Every structure is written in C-alpha cells, then in structure tokens.
Amino acid sequence: MASSGTTTTVRKLTPVLVVEHIEPSLQFWTERLGFEKTVEVPEGDRLGFVILVGNGVEIMYQSRASVQSDVPAIAAMRGGEATALFVEVADIGVVERAMADLDKIVPRRTTFYGMEEIGVREPGGHVVIFAQPAAKA
C-alpha cells in the first residue's frame, strides 16, 4: 500500500536470481522439476538471462556479467547468495526423490506452522525450500 492512501493490485511476483553461470541452475529446474525455458538471452558464449515456467510459476535467472552490462548499479550490490525461495508443492516425496543426490540444507522436517519441508542449495548457490502442508493427525 502506498503512503498516499492509494493501492495497487500486485498481479505477479517473479524472483530474478543472479548467478555466475545460468546453465547449472537451468538444469536444476528443467531436469529435476519439469520447468520449461520460455525465454533465453545469450551473453557472449553463455546464457545471460532465462525465464523458466512450470505449473503457473515463473522464475528468472540473470548472469552477473549480464547484470553488469544491463544495470551496473545492481551488479555492484552483493549478498544475493542469501536469497531463499519457499516453494509449496503438491507432493514433497516426489521432490525429495528428485533432490536425493543434493546436500540438504534443511533435512525433511515438520514445522511448527504445519508444513513438511526439505531445503537444498541449487547450483547457483541459492537455497530452495520445498514444502507441502503436513498431514493432520
């Protein structure tokens, strides 16, 4: 809500994760989670930007080199590695199996707010927490 008393409707929120190299993160989303790459922008001999979509969810990646040439003020900022995504899924077991070979940042647990969760670090260095509402006893 704006301080002037006016409001606007947020229609969509899409994270843009900045990484050194997009390609390893691309495989994380497409091969493990079934996302589709809908936009690809090269930056030299690598990818500079991609948009990935799956089940109505969208995520974007941009390489540090691309950010540097696009918006240098953002490139100067650090700390993106502290970014974490919270992703609610229909079946935590399916996701857990898809992530079986990755180090778990958050081993499977039931939280005080009623979610079954696991967390992994995707190849770009960002933490992704997958969650499903816990079965009620």
N, C-alpha and C. Protein backbone atom coordinates (compact mmCIF):
# COMPACT_ATOMS: atom_id res chain seq x y z
N MET A 1 0.84 -1.17 0.00
CA MET A 1 0.00 0.00 0.00
C MET A 1 0.88 1.24 0.00
N ALA A 2 0.56 2.16 -0.83
CA ALA A 2 1.32 3.40 -0.91
C ALA A 2 0.94 4.32 0.25
N SER A 3 1.87 5.16 0.67
CA SER A 3 1.62 6.04 1.80
C SER A 3 0.61 7.12 1.47
N SER A 4 0.35 7.39 0.20
CA SER A 4 -0.61 8.43 -0.18
C SER A 4 -2.05 7.97 -0.04
N GLY A 5 -2.26 6.73 0.37
CA GLY A 5 -3.60 6.21 0.51
C GLY A 5 -4.09 5.46 -0.70
N THR A 6 -3.32 5.46 -1.79
CA THR A 6 -3.71 4.71 -2.97
C THR A 6 -3.14 3.30 -2.87
N THR A 7 -3.81 2.38 -3.52
CA THR A 7 -3.33 1.00 -3.53
C THR A 7 -3.28 0.51 -4.96
N THR A 8 -2.54 -0.54 -5.14
CA THR A 8 -2.49 -1.20 -6.43
C THR A 8 -2.57 -2.69 -6.19
N THR A 9 -2.97 -3.42 -7.17
CA THR A 9 -3.05 -4.86 -7.07
C THR A 9 -1.79 -5.46 -7.65
N VAL A 10 -1.11 -6.27 -6.85
CA VAL A 10 0.06 -6.98 -7.34
C VAL A 10 -0.46 -8.18 -8.13
N ARG A 11 -0.10 -8.26 -9.38
CA ARG A 11 -0.61 -9.32 -10.24
C ARG A 11 0.32 -10.52 -10.33
N LYS A 12 1.58 -10.29 -10.06
CA LYS A 12 2.55 -11.38 -10.23
C LYS A 12 3.83 -10.99 -9.52
N LEU A 13 4.50 -11.96 -8.94
CA LEU A 13 5.80 -11.74 -8.32
C LEU A 13 6.73 -12.82 -8.85
N THR A 14 7.80 -12.41 -9.51
CA THR A 14 8.74 -13.35 -10.10
C THR A 14 10.14 -13.05 -9.57
N PRO A 15 10.76 -14.01 -8.89
CA PRO A 15 12.14 -13.78 -8.45
C PRO A 15 13.09 -13.78 -9.64
N VAL A 16 14.08 -12.91 -9.57
CA VAL A 16 15.18 -12.88 -10.54
C VAL A 16 16.44 -13.18 -9.74
N LEU A 17 17.01 -14.34 -9.95
CA LEU A 17 18.19 -14.76 -9.20
C LEU A 17 19.43 -14.51 -10.04
N VAL A 18 20.40 -13.82 -9.45
CA VAL A 18 21.65 -13.51 -10.13
C VAL A 18 22.68 -14.56 -9.76
N VAL A 19 23.32 -15.12 -10.78
CA VAL A 19 24.31 -16.19 -10.59
C VAL A 19 25.50 -15.96 -11.51
N GLU A 20 26.61 -16.63 -11.21
CA GLU A 20 27.77 -16.56 -12.10
C GLU A 20 27.46 -17.16 -13.46
N HIS A 21 26.91 -18.38 -13.46
CA HIS A 21 26.59 -19.11 -14.69
C HIS A 21 25.18 -19.70 -14.56
N ILE A 22 24.37 -19.45 -15.53
CA ILE A 22 22.97 -19.89 -15.51
C ILE A 22 22.81 -21.38 -15.78
N GLU A 23 23.64 -21.94 -16.63
CA GLU A 23 23.43 -23.30 -17.14
C GLU A 23 23.20 -24.35 -16.05
N PRO A 24 24.01 -24.42 -14.98
CA PRO A 24 23.74 -25.45 -13.95
C PRO A 24 22.38 -25.26 -13.27
N SER A 25 21.98 -24.01 -13.05
CA SER A 25 20.68 -23.75 -12.43
C SER A 25 19.54 -24.09 -13.37
N LEU A 26 19.75 -23.89 -14.64
CA LEU A 26 18.76 -24.23 -15.64
C LEU A 26 18.42 -25.72 -15.57
N GLN A 27 19.44 -26.55 -15.50
CA GLN A 27 19.22 -28.00 -15.40
C GLN A 27 18.49 -28.37 -14.12
N PHE A 28 18.78 -27.67 -13.02
CA PHE A 28 18.11 -27.93 -11.74
C PHE A 28 16.59 -27.82 -11.92
N TRP A 29 16.14 -26.76 -12.56
CA TRP A 29 14.70 -26.53 -12.70
C TRP A 29 14.07 -27.37 -13.80
N THR A 30 14.75 -27.54 -14.94
CA THR A 30 14.14 -28.27 -16.06
C THR A 30 14.20 -29.78 -15.86
N GLU A 31 15.36 -30.30 -15.48
CA GLU A 31 15.51 -31.75 -15.38
C GLU A 31 14.93 -32.33 -14.09
N ARG A 32 15.04 -31.63 -12.99
CA ARG A 32 14.55 -32.16 -11.72
C ARG A 32 13.09 -31.82 -11.44
N LEU A 33 12.64 -30.65 -11.95
CA LEU A 33 11.31 -30.17 -11.57
C LEU A 33 10.37 -29.95 -12.75
N GLY A 34 10.84 -30.22 -13.96
CA GLY A 34 9.97 -30.17 -15.12
C GLY A 34 9.60 -28.79 -15.63
N PHE A 35 10.36 -27.77 -15.26
CA PHE A 35 10.09 -26.42 -15.78
C PHE A 35 10.52 -26.34 -17.24
N GLU A 36 9.95 -25.39 -17.95
CA GLU A 36 10.28 -25.16 -19.35
C GLU A 36 10.94 -23.80 -19.50
N LYS A 37 12.00 -23.75 -20.28
CA LYS A 37 12.66 -22.48 -20.59
C LYS A 37 11.84 -21.79 -21.68
N THR A 38 11.31 -20.60 -21.36
CA THR A 38 10.47 -19.89 -22.33
C THR A 38 11.18 -18.72 -22.99
N VAL A 39 12.20 -18.19 -22.33
CA VAL A 39 12.99 -17.09 -22.89
C VAL A 39 14.45 -17.36 -22.60
N GLU A 40 15.28 -17.08 -23.58
CA GLU A 40 16.73 -17.26 -23.44
C GLU A 40 17.43 -16.10 -24.14
N VAL A 41 18.33 -15.43 -23.41
CA VAL A 41 19.09 -14.33 -23.97
C VAL A 41 20.57 -14.63 -23.78
N PRO A 42 21.33 -14.74 -24.88
CA PRO A 42 22.76 -15.02 -24.74
C PRO A 42 23.53 -13.79 -24.25
N GLU A 43 24.64 -14.07 -23.59
CA GLU A 43 25.59 -13.04 -23.16
C GLU A 43 26.96 -13.61 -23.49
N GLY A 44 27.50 -13.23 -24.65
CA GLY A 44 28.74 -13.83 -25.12
C GLY A 44 28.47 -15.28 -25.50
N ASP A 45 29.32 -16.19 -25.02
CA ASP A 45 29.17 -17.61 -25.35
C ASP A 45 28.37 -18.38 -24.30
N ARG A 46 27.75 -17.67 -23.37
CA ARG A 46 26.94 -18.30 -22.32
C ARG A 46 25.55 -17.67 -22.32
N LEU A 47 24.71 -18.17 -21.43
CA LEU A 47 23.40 -17.55 -21.24
C LEU A 47 23.54 -16.33 -20.35
N GLY A 48 22.84 -15.27 -20.69
CA GLY A 48 22.83 -14.07 -19.87
C GLY A 48 21.55 -13.93 -19.07
N PHE A 49 20.47 -14.51 -19.59
CA PHE A 49 19.17 -14.37 -18.95
C PHE A 49 18.26 -15.48 -19.43
N VAL A 50 17.45 -16.04 -18.53
CA VAL A 50 16.42 -17.02 -18.90
C VAL A 50 15.18 -16.80 -18.06
N ILE A 51 14.06 -17.21 -18.63
CA ILE A 51 12.80 -17.30 -17.90
C ILE A 51 12.38 -18.76 -17.93
N LEU A 52 12.04 -19.28 -16.77
CA LEU A 52 11.59 -20.67 -16.63
C LEU A 52 10.17 -20.66 -16.09
N VAL A 53 9.33 -21.55 -16.64
CA VAL A 53 7.93 -21.61 -16.24
C VAL A 53 7.54 -23.05 -15.99
N GLY A 54 6.77 -23.27 -14.94
CA GLY A 54 6.23 -24.59 -14.64
C GLY A 54 5.01 -24.48 -13.74
N ASN A 55 3.89 -25.04 -14.16
CA ASN A 55 2.67 -25.06 -13.36
C ASN A 55 2.26 -23.68 -12.87
N GLY A 56 2.35 -22.68 -13.73
CA GLY A 56 1.92 -21.34 -13.37
C GLY A 56 2.92 -20.56 -12.53
N VAL A 57 4.09 -21.14 -12.29
CA VAL A 57 5.14 -20.49 -11.51
C VAL A 57 6.24 -20.05 -12.48
N GLU A 58 6.78 -18.86 -12.23
CA GLU A 58 7.83 -18.34 -13.09
C GLU A 58 9.03 -17.94 -12.24
N ILE A 59 10.22 -18.23 -12.76
CA ILE A 59 11.46 -17.81 -12.12
C ILE A 59 12.41 -17.35 -13.22
N MET A 60 13.20 -16.34 -12.90
CA MET A 60 14.15 -15.81 -13.87
C MET A 60 15.56 -15.90 -13.29
N TYR A 61 16.52 -16.11 -14.17
CA TYR A 61 17.93 -16.08 -13.81
C TYR A 61 18.64 -15.10 -14.71
N GLN A 62 19.60 -14.37 -14.14
CA GLN A 62 20.43 -13.47 -14.92
C GLN A 62 21.87 -13.64 -14.46
N SER A 63 22.79 -13.71 -15.41
CA SER A 63 24.20 -13.87 -15.04
C SER A 63 24.75 -12.55 -14.51
N ARG A 64 25.77 -12.64 -13.66
CA ARG A 64 26.41 -11.42 -13.14
C ARG A 64 26.94 -10.55 -14.29
N ALA A 65 27.51 -11.19 -15.32
CA ALA A 65 28.03 -10.44 -16.47
C ALA A 65 26.92 -9.68 -17.17
N SER A 66 25.76 -10.31 -17.31
CA SER A 66 24.63 -9.66 -17.95
C SER A 66 24.12 -8.49 -17.10
N VAL A 67 24.04 -8.68 -15.81
CA VAL A 67 23.61 -7.59 -14.92
C VAL A 67 24.60 -6.43 -15.00
N GLN A 68 25.89 -6.76 -15.05
CA GLN A 68 26.92 -5.71 -15.13
C GLN A 68 26.73 -4.85 -16.37
N SER A 69 26.40 -5.47 -17.50
CA SER A 69 26.22 -4.67 -18.71
C SER A 69 24.83 -4.03 -18.77
N ASP A 70 23.86 -4.61 -18.09
CA ASP A 70 22.48 -4.13 -18.14
C ASP A 70 22.22 -3.02 -17.11
N VAL A 71 22.53 -3.30 -15.83
CA VAL A 71 22.28 -2.36 -14.74
C VAL A 71 23.46 -2.41 -13.78
N PRO A 72 24.54 -1.69 -14.07
CA PRO A 72 25.75 -1.76 -13.24
C PRO A 72 25.51 -1.48 -11.75
N ALA A 73 24.55 -0.64 -11.42
CA ALA A 73 24.28 -0.34 -10.00
C ALA A 73 23.82 -1.58 -9.25
N ILE A 74 23.06 -2.44 -9.91
CA ILE A 74 22.63 -3.68 -9.27
C ILE A 74 23.82 -4.63 -9.17
N ALA A 75 24.65 -4.68 -10.18
CA ALA A 75 25.80 -5.58 -10.18
C ALA A 75 26.74 -5.28 -9.03
N ALA A 76 26.81 -4.04 -8.63
CA ALA A 76 27.70 -3.64 -7.53
C ALA A 76 27.20 -4.14 -6.18
N MET A 77 25.91 -4.46 -6.10
CA MET A 77 25.34 -4.96 -4.84
C MET A 77 25.72 -6.43 -4.66
N ARG A 78 26.02 -6.82 -3.46
CA ARG A 78 26.36 -8.22 -3.18
C ARG A 78 25.34 -8.76 -2.18
N GLY A 79 25.46 -10.05 -1.90
CA GLY A 79 24.60 -10.65 -0.89
C GLY A 79 23.46 -11.47 -1.47
N GLY A 80 23.38 -11.59 -2.79
CA GLY A 80 22.32 -12.38 -3.41
C GLY A 80 22.32 -13.83 -3.00
N GLU A 81 23.49 -14.32 -2.57
CA GLU A 81 23.57 -15.71 -2.17
C GLU A 81 22.72 -16.00 -0.94
N ALA A 82 22.27 -14.97 -0.24
CA ALA A 82 21.43 -15.15 0.93
C ALA A 82 19.96 -15.33 0.54
N THR A 83 19.67 -15.27 -0.75
CA THR A 83 18.30 -15.42 -1.22
C THR A 83 17.83 -16.85 -1.00
N ALA A 84 16.60 -16.98 -0.51
CA ALA A 84 15.98 -18.29 -0.36
C ALA A 84 14.59 -18.24 -0.98
N LEU A 85 14.23 -19.30 -1.68
CA LEU A 85 12.90 -19.42 -2.26
C LEU A 85 12.10 -20.42 -1.44
N PHE A 86 10.86 -20.11 -1.16
CA PHE A 86 9.94 -21.03 -0.48
C PHE A 86 8.93 -21.46 -1.53
N VAL A 87 8.91 -22.76 -1.85
CA VAL A 87 8.10 -23.28 -2.94
C VAL A 87 7.15 -24.33 -2.39
N GLU A 88 5.86 -24.05 -2.42
CA GLU A 88 4.88 -25.04 -1.97
C GLU A 88 4.61 -26.00 -3.12
N VAL A 89 4.66 -27.30 -2.82
CA VAL A 89 4.49 -28.35 -3.83
C VAL A 89 3.34 -29.27 -3.45
N ALA A 90 2.87 -30.04 -4.42
CA ALA A 90 1.77 -30.97 -4.18
C ALA A 90 2.24 -32.24 -3.49
N ASP A 91 3.49 -32.68 -3.76
CA ASP A 91 3.97 -33.95 -3.21
C ASP A 91 5.44 -33.81 -2.83
N ILE A 92 5.70 -33.61 -1.56
CA ILE A 92 7.08 -33.42 -1.07
C ILE A 92 7.93 -34.66 -1.32
N GLY A 93 7.32 -35.84 -1.32
CA GLY A 93 8.06 -37.07 -1.57
C GLY A 93 8.66 -37.12 -2.96
N VAL A 94 7.90 -36.67 -3.96
CA VAL A 94 8.40 -36.65 -5.34
C VAL A 94 9.59 -35.70 -5.43
N VAL A 95 9.47 -34.53 -4.83
CA VAL A 95 10.56 -33.55 -4.86
C VAL A 95 11.77 -34.08 -4.10
N GLU A 96 11.53 -34.70 -2.95
CA GLU A 96 12.64 -35.25 -2.16
C GLU A 96 13.42 -36.28 -2.98
N ARG A 97 12.73 -37.13 -3.72
CA ARG A 97 13.42 -38.12 -4.56
C ARG A 97 14.19 -37.43 -5.68
N ALA A 98 13.63 -36.37 -6.26
CA ALA A 98 14.31 -35.65 -7.34
C ALA A 98 15.57 -34.95 -6.84
N MET A 99 15.63 -34.65 -5.55
CA MET A 99 16.76 -33.93 -4.95
C MET A 99 17.68 -34.86 -4.15
N ALA A 100 17.48 -36.16 -4.26
CA ALA A 100 18.17 -37.13 -3.40
C ALA A 100 19.69 -37.00 -3.42
N ASP A 101 20.28 -36.64 -4.54
CA ASP A 101 21.74 -36.58 -4.63
C ASP A 101 22.32 -35.23 -4.22
N LEU A 102 21.49 -34.29 -3.82
CA LEU A 102 21.97 -32.97 -3.41
C LEU A 102 22.11 -32.89 -1.89
N ASP A 103 23.02 -32.04 -1.43
CA ASP A 103 23.14 -31.80 0.00
C ASP A 103 21.89 -31.10 0.49
N LYS A 104 21.37 -31.60 1.59
CA LYS A 104 20.17 -30.99 2.17
C LYS A 104 20.60 -29.88 3.13
N ILE A 105 20.18 -28.67 2.86
CA ILE A 105 20.38 -27.55 3.77
C ILE A 105 19.41 -27.68 4.93
N VAL A 106 18.20 -28.14 4.63
CA VAL A 106 17.17 -28.42 5.63
C VAL A 106 16.72 -29.85 5.41
N PRO A 107 17.13 -30.77 6.30
CA PRO A 107 16.63 -32.14 6.16
C PRO A 107 15.11 -32.15 6.33
N ARG A 108 14.46 -33.17 5.80
CA ARG A 108 13.00 -33.22 5.89
C ARG A 108 12.55 -33.05 7.33
N ARG A 109 11.56 -32.17 7.49
CA ARG A 109 11.06 -31.87 8.83
C ARG A 109 9.61 -31.42 8.75
N THR A 110 8.94 -31.46 9.90
CA THR A 110 7.61 -30.88 10.03
C THR A 110 7.77 -29.63 10.86
N THR A 111 7.30 -28.52 10.35
CA THR A 111 7.49 -27.24 11.02
C THR A 111 6.36 -26.93 11.99
N PHE A 112 6.60 -25.95 12.85
CA PHE A 112 5.57 -25.52 13.80
C PHE A 112 4.38 -24.88 13.09
N TYR A 113 4.57 -24.45 11.85
CA TYR A 113 3.46 -23.85 11.10
C TYR A 113 2.78 -24.86 10.18
N GLY A 114 3.06 -26.16 10.40
CA GLY A 114 2.31 -27.22 9.74
C GLY A 114 2.71 -27.60 8.34
N MET A 115 3.99 -27.44 8.02
CA MET A 115 4.47 -27.82 6.69
C MET A 115 5.53 -28.92 6.80
N GLU A 116 5.51 -29.84 5.84
CA GLU A 116 6.60 -30.80 5.65
C GLU A 116 7.56 -30.11 4.70
N GLU A 117 8.83 -30.03 5.06
CA GLU A 117 9.78 -29.28 4.25
C GLU A 117 11.08 -30.04 4.04
N ILE A 118 11.73 -29.73 2.92
CA ILE A 118 13.14 -30.05 2.70
C ILE A 118 13.74 -28.82 2.03
N GLY A 119 15.04 -28.63 2.22
CA GLY A 119 15.71 -27.50 1.59
C GLY A 119 17.02 -27.92 0.98
N VAL A 120 17.29 -27.42 -0.21
CA VAL A 120 18.54 -27.72 -0.91
C VAL A 120 19.15 -26.42 -1.42
N ARG A 121 20.42 -26.48 -1.76
CA ARG A 121 21.08 -25.35 -2.41
C ARG A 121 21.14 -25.68 -3.90
N GLU A 122 20.53 -24.83 -4.72
CA GLU A 122 20.57 -25.07 -6.16
C GLU A 122 21.96 -24.69 -6.68
N PRO A 123 22.32 -25.13 -7.88
CA PRO A 123 23.69 -24.93 -8.36
C PRO A 123 24.18 -23.48 -8.40
N GLY A 124 23.28 -22.51 -8.46
CA GLY A 124 23.67 -21.11 -8.45
C GLY A 124 23.97 -20.58 -7.06
N GLY A 125 23.75 -21.40 -6.02
CA GLY A 125 24.06 -21.02 -4.65
C GLY A 125 22.88 -20.59 -3.81
N HIS A 126 21.69 -20.48 -4.40
CA HIS A 126 20.51 -20.04 -3.67
C HIS A 126 19.84 -21.22 -2.98
N VAL A 127 19.25 -20.98 -1.82
CA VAL A 127 18.53 -22.02 -1.08
C VAL A 127 17.11 -22.10 -1.59
N VAL A 128 16.64 -23.32 -1.83
CA VAL A 128 15.26 -23.55 -2.25
C VAL A 128 14.63 -24.47 -1.21
N ILE A 129 13.60 -23.96 -0.54
CA ILE A 129 12.85 -24.75 0.44
C ILE A 129 11.58 -25.22 -0.25
N PHE A 130 11.39 -26.53 -0.28
CA PHE A 130 10.16 -27.13 -0.85
C PHE A 130 9.29 -27.54 0.33
N ALA A 131 7.99 -27.26 0.24
CA ALA A 131 7.10 -27.53 1.36
C ALA A 131 5.75 -28.02 0.87
N GLN A 132 5.13 -28.85 1.73
CA GLN A 132 3.77 -29.36 1.49
C GLN A 132 3.07 -29.32 2.83
N PRO A 133 1.80 -28.94 2.85
CA PRO A 133 1.08 -28.99 4.13
C PRO A 133 1.16 -30.39 4.73
N ALA A 134 1.49 -30.44 6.02
CA ALA A 134 1.63 -31.73 6.72
C ALA A 134 0.26 -32.39 6.88
N ALA A 135 0.26 -33.70 6.83
CA ALA A 135 -0.98 -34.45 7.05
C ALA A 135 -1.41 -34.22 8.50
N LYS A 136 -2.70 -34.01 8.69
CA LYS A 136 -3.23 -33.78 10.04
C LYS A 136 -3.46 -35.11 10.73
N ALA A 137 -3.02 -35.18 11.98
CA ALA A 137 -3.16 -36.44 12.73
C ALA A 137 -4.53 -36.59 13.32
